[in-house]
C-alpha atoms as a PDB file:
ATOM      1  CA  MET A   1       0.358  -3.952 -23.209  1.00  0.00           C
ATOM      2  CA  SER A   2      -1.911  -6.954 -22.505  1.00  0.00           C
ATOM      3  CA  LYS A   3      -3.797  -7.042 -19.229  1.00  0.00           C
ATOM      4  CA  SER A   4      -2.086 -10.227 -18.006  1.00  0.00           C
ATOM      5  CA  PHE A   5       1.370  -8.893 -18.911  1.00  0.00           C
ATOM      6  CA  ARG A   6       0.560  -5.600 -17.193  1.00  0.00           C
ATOM      7  CA  LEU A   7      -0.553  -7.331 -13.997  1.00  0.00           C
ATOM      8  CA  SER A   8       2.582  -9.501 -14.062  1.00  0.00           C
ATOM      9  CA  ALA A   9       4.670  -6.365 -14.542  1.00  0.00           C
ATOM     10  CA  ILE A  10       2.915  -4.721 -11.602  1.00  0.00           C
ATOM     11  CA  ALA A  11       3.665  -7.722  -9.410  1.00  0.00           C
ATOM     12  CA  LEU A  12       7.333  -7.637 -10.407  1.00  0.00           C
ATOM     13  CA  VAL A  13       7.543  -3.884  -9.989  1.00  0.00           C
ATOM     14  CA  ALA A  14       5.845  -4.119  -6.637  1.00  0.00           C
ATOM     15  CA  ALA A  15       8.583  -6.516  -5.618  1.00  0.00           C
ATOM     16  CA  SER A  16      11.042  -3.710  -6.322  1.00  0.00           C
ATOM     17  CA  PHE A  17       9.264  -1.660  -3.661  1.00  0.00           C
ATOM     18  CA  ILE A  18      10.134  -4.314  -1.120  1.00  0.00           C
ATOM     19  CA  GLY A  19      13.362  -2.490  -0.204  1.00  0.00           C
ATOM     20  CA  LEU A  20      11.554   0.527   1.149  1.00  0.00           C
ATOM     21  CA  THR A  21       8.459  -1.495   2.017  1.00  0.00           C
ATOM     22  CA  GLY A  22      10.605  -3.822   4.076  1.00  0.00           C
ATOM     23  CA  THR A  23      11.810  -0.751   5.918  1.00  0.00           C
ATOM     24  CA  ALA A  24       8.200   0.327   6.352  1.00  0.00           C
ATOM     25  CA  ALA A  25       7.223  -3.059   7.727  1.00  0.00           C
ATOM     26  CA  ALA A  26      10.271  -3.126   9.965  1.00  0.00           C
ATOM     27  CA  GLN A  27       9.290   0.233  11.436  1.00  0.00           C
ATOM     28  CA  GLY A  28       6.063  -1.287  12.682  1.00  0.00           C
ATOM     29  CA  GLN A  29       8.212  -3.887  14.440  1.00  0.00           C
ATOM     30  CA  GLY A  30      10.545  -1.344  16.036  1.00  0.00           C
ATOM     31  CA  ALA A  31      13.649  -1.647  13.833  1.00  0.00           C
ATOM     32  CA  ASN A  32      15.347   1.715  13.414  1.00  0.00           C
ATOM     33  CA  ASN A  33      18.672   0.927  11.762  1.00  0.00           C
ATOM     34  CA  ALA A  34      16.985   0.196   8.381  1.00  0.00           C
ATOM     35  CA  GLN A  35      15.630   3.766   8.389  1.00  0.00           C
ATOM     36  CA  ASP A  36      19.074   5.341   8.320  1.00  0.00           C
ATOM     37  CA  ASN A  37      18.997   5.487   4.509  1.00  0.00           C
ATOM     38  CA  VAL A  38      15.408   6.772   4.243  1.00  0.00           C
ATOM     39  CA  LYS A  39      14.152  10.356   4.468  1.00  0.00           C
ATOM     40  CA  ILE A  40      10.611  10.487   5.908  1.00  0.00           C
ATOM     41  CA  SER A  41       8.156  13.362   5.399  1.00  0.00           C
ATOM     42  CA  HIS A  42       4.655  13.505   6.884  1.00  0.00           C
ATOM     43  CA  TYR A  43       1.449  14.595   5.128  1.00  0.00           C
ATOM     44  CA  ASN A  44      -1.319  14.267   7.725  1.00  0.00           C
ATOM     45  CA  ASP A  45      -1.985  10.498   7.928  1.00  0.00           C
ATOM     46  CA  TRP A  46       0.513   9.562   5.188  1.00  0.00           C
ATOM     47  CA  GLU A  47       4.303   9.247   5.249  1.00  0.00           C
ATOM     48  CA  VAL A  48       6.486   9.764   2.210  1.00  0.00           C
ATOM     49  CA  ARG A  49       9.702   7.741   2.208  1.00  0.00           C
ATOM     50  CA  CYS A  50      12.558   8.569  -0.150  1.00  0.00           C
ATOM     51  CA  PRO A  51      16.113   7.268  -0.277  1.00  0.00           C
ATOM     52  CA  LYS A  52      18.538   9.734   1.321  1.00  0.00           C
ATOM     53  CA  SER A  53      21.006   8.939  -1.433  1.00  0.00           C
ATOM     54  CA  GLY A  54      19.005  11.096  -3.838  1.00  0.00           C
ATOM     55  CA  GLY A  55      17.378   9.680  -6.928  1.00  0.00           C
ATOM     56  CA  SER A  56      14.122  10.768  -8.490  1.00  0.00           C
ATOM     57  CA  LYS A  57      10.585  11.140  -7.191  1.00  0.00           C
ATOM     58  CA  GLY A  58       9.883   7.736  -8.749  1.00  0.00           C
ATOM     59  CA  ASP A  59      12.144   6.218  -6.080  1.00  0.00           C
ATOM     60  CA  CYS A  60       9.822   7.484  -3.330  1.00  0.00           C
ATOM     61  CA  GLU A  61       6.719   5.874  -1.886  1.00  0.00           C
ATOM     62  CA  MET A  62       3.863   6.940   0.321  1.00  0.00           C
ATOM     63  CA  THR A  63       2.704   4.718   3.154  1.00  0.00           C
ATOM     64  CA  GLN A  64       0.230   4.436   6.004  1.00  0.00           C
ATOM     65  CA  LEU A  65       0.154   1.943   8.877  1.00  0.00           C
ATOM     66  CA  ILE A  66      -3.377   0.766   9.723  1.00  0.00           C
ATOM     67  CA  ASN A  67      -4.346  -0.514  13.154  1.00  0.00           C
ATOM     68  CA  SER A  68      -6.773  -3.345  13.859  1.00  0.00           C
ATOM     69  CA  PRO A  69     -10.241  -2.070  14.812  1.00  0.00           C
ATOM     70  CA  SER A  70     -10.462  -4.713  17.550  1.00  0.00           C
ATOM     71  CA  THR A  71      -6.984  -4.598  19.123  1.00  0.00           C
ATOM     72  CA  GLY A  72      -5.609  -1.200  18.103  1.00  0.00           C
ATOM     73  CA  LYS A  73      -2.341  -2.890  17.068  1.00  0.00           C
ATOM     74  CA  PRO A  74      -0.833  -2.528  13.566  1.00  0.00           C
ATOM     75  CA  ILE A  75      -2.457  -4.960  11.138  1.00  0.00           C
ATOM     76  CA  MET A  76      -1.833  -3.588   7.643  1.00  0.00           C
ATOM     77  CA  ARG A  77       0.570  -1.341   5.787  1.00  0.00           C
ATOM     78  CA  VAL A  78      -0.525   0.435   2.605  1.00  0.00           C
ATOM     79  CA  VAL A  79       2.230   1.534   0.221  1.00  0.00           C
ATOM     80  CA  MET A  80       1.774   3.473  -3.019  1.00  0.00           C
ATOM     81  CA  GLY A  81       4.378   4.426  -5.585  1.00  0.00           C
ATOM     82  CA  TYR A  82       5.003   5.170  -9.240  1.00  0.00           C
ATOM     83  CA  PRO A  83       7.200   2.392 -10.579  1.00  0.00           C
ATOM     84  CA  PRO A  84       8.879   3.427 -13.841  1.00  0.00           C
ATOM     85  CA  GLN A  85       7.979   0.125 -15.512  1.00  0.00           C
ATOM     86  CA  ILE A  86       4.237   0.930 -15.650  1.00  0.00           C
ATOM     87  CA  ASP A  87       2.286   4.032 -16.619  1.00  0.00           C
ATOM     88  CA  SER A  88       0.235   4.361 -13.445  1.00  0.00           C
ATOM     89  CA  ALA A  89       0.593   4.200  -9.703  1.00  0.00           C
ATOM     90  CA  ALA A  90       0.574   0.881  -7.870  1.00  0.00           C
ATOM     91  CA  MET A  91      -0.528   0.108  -4.321  1.00  0.00           C
ATOM     92  CA  ILE A  92       0.752  -2.687  -2.126  1.00  0.00           C
ATOM     93  CA  PHE A  93      -1.211  -3.962   0.847  1.00  0.00           C
ATOM     94  CA  ILE A  94       0.803  -5.932   3.418  1.00  0.00           C
ATOM     95  CA  LEU A  95      -1.531  -7.947   5.633  1.00  0.00           C
ATOM     96  CA  PRO A  96      -0.893 -10.383   8.484  1.00  0.00           C
ATOM     97  CA  LEU A  97      -0.183 -14.059   8.075  1.00  0.00           C
ATOM     98  CA  GLY A  98      -3.360 -16.025   8.746  1.00  0.00           C
ATOM     99  CA  THR A  99      -5.475 -13.868   6.446  1.00  0.00           C
ATOM    100  CA  ARG A 100      -7.625 -16.079   4.206  1.00  0.00           C
ATOM    101  CA  LEU A 101      -6.135 -15.818   0.736  1.00  0.00           C
ATOM    102  CA  ALA A 102      -8.897 -17.192  -1.523  1.00  0.00           C
ATOM    103  CA  PRO A 103     -11.333 -14.263  -1.030  1.00  0.00           C
ATOM    104  CA  GLY A 104      -8.563 -11.789  -1.873  1.00  0.00           C
ATOM    105  CA  VAL A 105      -8.733  -8.133  -0.886  1.00  0.00           C
ATOM    106  CA  GLN A 106     -11.459  -5.591  -1.568  1.00  0.00           C
ATOM    107  CA  LEU A 107     -10.889  -1.828  -1.781  1.00  0.00           C
ATOM    108  CA  SER A 108     -13.590   0.823  -1.824  1.00  0.00           C
ATOM    109  CA  VAL A 109     -13.389   4.614  -1.588  1.00  0.00           C
ATOM    110  CA  ASP A 110     -16.109   6.516   0.284  1.00  0.00           C
ATOM    111  CA  GLY A 111     -18.408   3.470   0.060  1.00  0.00           C
ATOM    112  CA  ASP A 112     -18.276   3.083  -3.734  1.00  0.00           C
ATOM    113  CA  GLN A 113     -18.261  -0.251  -5.582  1.00  0.00           C
ATOM    114  CA  ALA A 114     -15.514  -2.443  -4.118  1.00  0.00           C
ATOM    115  CA  ARG A 115     -12.629  -3.479  -6.357  1.00  0.00           C
ATOM    116  CA  ARG A 116     -11.448  -7.020  -5.709  1.00  0.00           C
ATOM    117  CA  PHE A 117      -7.873  -8.209  -6.254  1.00  0.00           C
ATOM    118  CA  PRO A 118      -5.848 -11.284  -5.263  1.00  0.00           C
ATOM    119  CA  PHE A 119      -2.918 -11.814  -2.950  1.00  0.00           C
ATOM    120  CA  GLN A 120       0.408 -12.287  -4.742  1.00  0.00           C
ATOM    121  CA  ILE A 121       2.651 -13.807  -2.097  1.00  0.00           C
ATOM    122  CA  CYS A 122       3.078 -14.389   1.610  1.00  0.00           C
ATOM    123  CA  LEU A 123       6.471 -13.652   3.143  1.00  0.00           C
ATOM    124  CA  GLU A 124       7.794 -13.408   6.674  1.00  0.00           C
ATOM    125  CA  GLN A 125       6.457  -9.822   7.014  1.00  0.00           C
ATOM    126  CA  GLY A 126       2.946 -10.840   5.920  1.00  0.00           C
ATOM    127  CA  CYS A 127       0.844 -11.461   2.833  1.00  0.00           C
ATOM    128  CA  ARG A 128       1.050  -8.988  -0.006  1.00  0.00           C
ATOM    129  CA  ALA A 129      -1.624  -7.885  -2.455  1.00  0.00           C
ATOM    130  CA  ASP A 130      -0.661  -5.516  -5.289  1.00  0.00           C
ATOM    131  CA  PHE A 131      -3.148  -3.299  -7.059  1.00  0.00           C
ATOM    132  CA  PRO A 132      -2.805  -0.941 -10.045  1.00  0.00           C
ATOM    133  CA  VAL A 133      -4.221   2.538  -9.447  1.00  0.00           C
ATOM    134  CA  ASN A 134      -5.765   3.941 -12.633  1.00  0.00           C
ATOM    135  CA  GLY A 135      -6.603   7.618 -13.131  1.00  0.00           C
ATOM    136  CA  SER A 136     -10.234   7.242 -12.087  1.00  0.00           C
ATOM    137  CA  LEU A 137      -9.370   5.550  -8.792  1.00  0.00           C
ATOM    138  CA  LEU A 138      -6.546   8.020  -8.148  1.00  0.00           C
ATOM    139  CA  ASN A 139      -8.969  10.942  -8.552  1.00  0.00           C
ATOM    140  CA  LYS A 140     -11.489   9.295  -6.205  1.00  0.00           C
ATOM    141  CA  MET A 141      -8.774   8.871  -3.603  1.00  0.00           C
ATOM    142  CA  LYS A 142      -7.557  12.459  -4.012  1.00  0.00           C
ATOM    143  CA  ASN A 143     -11.098  13.764  -3.496  1.00  0.00           C
ATOM    144  CA  GLY A 144     -12.238  11.155  -0.978  1.00  0.00           C
ATOM    145  CA  ARG A 145     -12.357  11.114   2.779  1.00  0.00           C
ATOM    146  CA  SER A 146     -11.581   7.462   3.474  1.00  0.00           C
ATOM    147  CA  ALA A 147     -11.036   4.128   1.836  1.00  0.00           C
ATOM    148  CA  GLN A 148     -11.793   0.705   3.195  1.00  0.00           C
ATOM    149  CA  VAL A 149      -9.967  -2.553   2.720  1.00  0.00           C
ATOM    150  CA  THR A 150     -11.935  -5.704   3.449  1.00  0.00           C
ATOM    151  CA  ILE A 151     -10.234  -9.027   4.137  1.00  0.00           C
ATOM    152  CA  VAL A 152     -11.322 -12.340   5.641  1.00  0.00           C
ATOM    153  CA  GLY A 153      -9.620 -13.317   8.883  1.00  0.00           C
ATOM    154  CA  PRO A 154      -8.433 -16.774   9.961  1.00  0.00           C
ATOM    155  CA  LYS A 155     -11.816 -17.652  11.509  1.00  0.00           C
ATOM    156  CA  GLY A 156     -13.753 -16.617   8.393  1.00  0.00           C
ATOM    157  CA  ASP A 157     -14.747 -13.257   9.832  1.00  0.00           C
ATOM    158  CA  GLN A 158     -14.865 -10.202   7.571  1.00  0.00           C
ATOM    159  CA  ILE A 159     -12.452  -7.498   8.708  1.00  0.00           C
ATOM    160  CA  ASN A 160     -12.943  -3.913   7.514  1.00  0.00           C
ATOM    161  CA  LEU A 161      -9.862  -1.713   7.735  1.00  0.00           C
ATOM    162  CA  LYS A 162     -10.240   2.040   7.292  1.00  0.00           C
ATOM    163  CA  ILE A 163      -7.583   3.980   5.399  1.00  0.00           C
ATOM    164  CA  SER A 164      -7.526   7.711   5.980  1.00  0.00           C
ATOM    165  CA  LEU A 165      -7.212   9.812   2.844  1.00  0.00           C
ATOM    166  CA  SER A 166      -6.226  12.890   4.855  1.00  0.00           C
ATOM    167  CA  GLY A 167      -2.973  14.071   3.284  1.00  0.00           C
ATOM    168  CA  PHE A 168      -3.263  11.621   0.365  1.00  0.00           C
ATOM    169  CA  THR A 169      -3.193  14.326  -2.346  1.00  0.00           C
ATOM    170  CA  ASP A 170      -0.147  16.100  -0.899  1.00  0.00           C
ATOM    171  CA  ALA A 171       1.724  12.819  -0.377  1.00  0.00           C
ATOM    172  CA  ASN A 172       0.840  11.741  -3.914  1.00  0.00           C
ATOM    173  CA  ASN A 173       2.079  15.058  -5.307  1.00  0.00           C
ATOM    174  CA  ALA A 174       5.361  14.532  -3.428  1.00  0.00           C
ATOM    175  CA  ILE A 175       6.002  11.138  -5.075  1.00  0.00           C
ATOM    176  CA  ALA A 176       4.411  11.527  -8.526  1.00  0.00           C
ATOM    177  CA  SER A 177       7.014  11.568 -11.276  1.00  0.00           C
END
């Protein structure tokens, strides 16, 4: 599979997550009725969300809501899943409107070399950046303590958002197909 086709496939597959991701985003805004069809399990700092209607592990996702370091209010949602259309995991980062898009998003684990990736789309819930998770990165996250996402805010300021990896391995095991 060519790299450009694969990235396009990831973007399309990530869009399929929007059903549960929309529920995840809505939770941060206080909507509870969308959660009626979702079973939620907790693994330290991660939640695993699966449809109550059954299905396979591939229909589940793991998610974490990240608060702003300056205000303490929710600023980002991280979602990871195993879409059947690709042979690896994929992460979705939902960030607030007003984030500068051109610099993209950077992800590093335990201070390693940052991986840069672009935003795909901005919707009412925020701007979304999708990222494939290869085996090497997955292992780093399973064995790591924290990850950091870096974005550029509306005033050009760099914003570093910490993602806890506590419970990551168990949540990943719960959703891996």
